[in-house]
Amino acid sequence: MSAGRSPKDTFITVYGRKPVLEALDDPGLLVDKVIMAEGVRGEPVQAILAAARDRGVPVQRASAHRVKVLAGNGRHDQGVLADVLAPRMAPVADFLDELVGPAAVLVLDRVTNPANVGMILRSATAAGLDGVLLPRRGVPAIDPLVVKASAGVAFRAPVLRAATAEEGCAALRDAGFGVFGLETGGPSLLDADLPGRVALVLGNETDGLSADVRAELDGVLSIPMRNGVESLNVASAAAVAAYALMR
């Protein structure tokens, strides 16, 4: 982890006994540490301790309250969490400092459903996009629900972090990106002459693009709709957008 980088921009924290054990059992994942509440016991706990020992992963003990705070979820942590390295996660500033040449990025503007976030990460990674900007505010954390919806791809997805979607869009524009919102009514994304560096912003499931993000846009584009269909679910729209950008 580079100096000054937050652990939240480096690790994905999974919580709950089954998700933690699954992470430890996956040889493709690098688990940094396990944190377990004092006093938890039972067969699943023993399995986690054994798996951590076999992998050489340190296990730290903490109060049950501390585990809940670190997990960010007071109901489903079951007294255990693990920090898993996300090798392609980075602050957007670090990503831009290292970027050479063209790039394509999706930005999530207050997308609130964890299942949508997970499916978007899966589609963008499959399409080979350079990044998905997940702001720290307004979008769910990458938790077990997001990981499950991504079918595990979230751990290796090219996640970019910024405080807010508008801050991330401003940074992308400063680095030469054309930043376009995706919504109905604009010119067709499929016919657009896009710049070499391009970011497409996906808005909230109900309210669409926020006013703050609109102020950072170079324009809006749309996915053509036929046969009376008015719009697509945001995760479906993201999949279309990802492959349009790949093309």
Foldseek 3Di string as FASTA:
>chain_A
DDPPDDLLQWWAKEAALVVLLVQLPDPVWDWQAKEFEPPDDDDSVVSNVVSCVVVVHYYHYDHQVVQCVVQVHNPHRSGMMIIITQPQGEALVVVLVPDDWFFEEEEEALAEDLLLLLLLQLLLVVLPGQEYEDEPPNYDGCYPSSCVSVVNSVSHGNYYYDNHRLVSLQVQVVSPEQEAEEDPDAAALLPDPHDRYYYYYFYYQPPTHDPSNVVSHPYYHYHDDDDPDHDDGSSVVSNVNSNSVSD
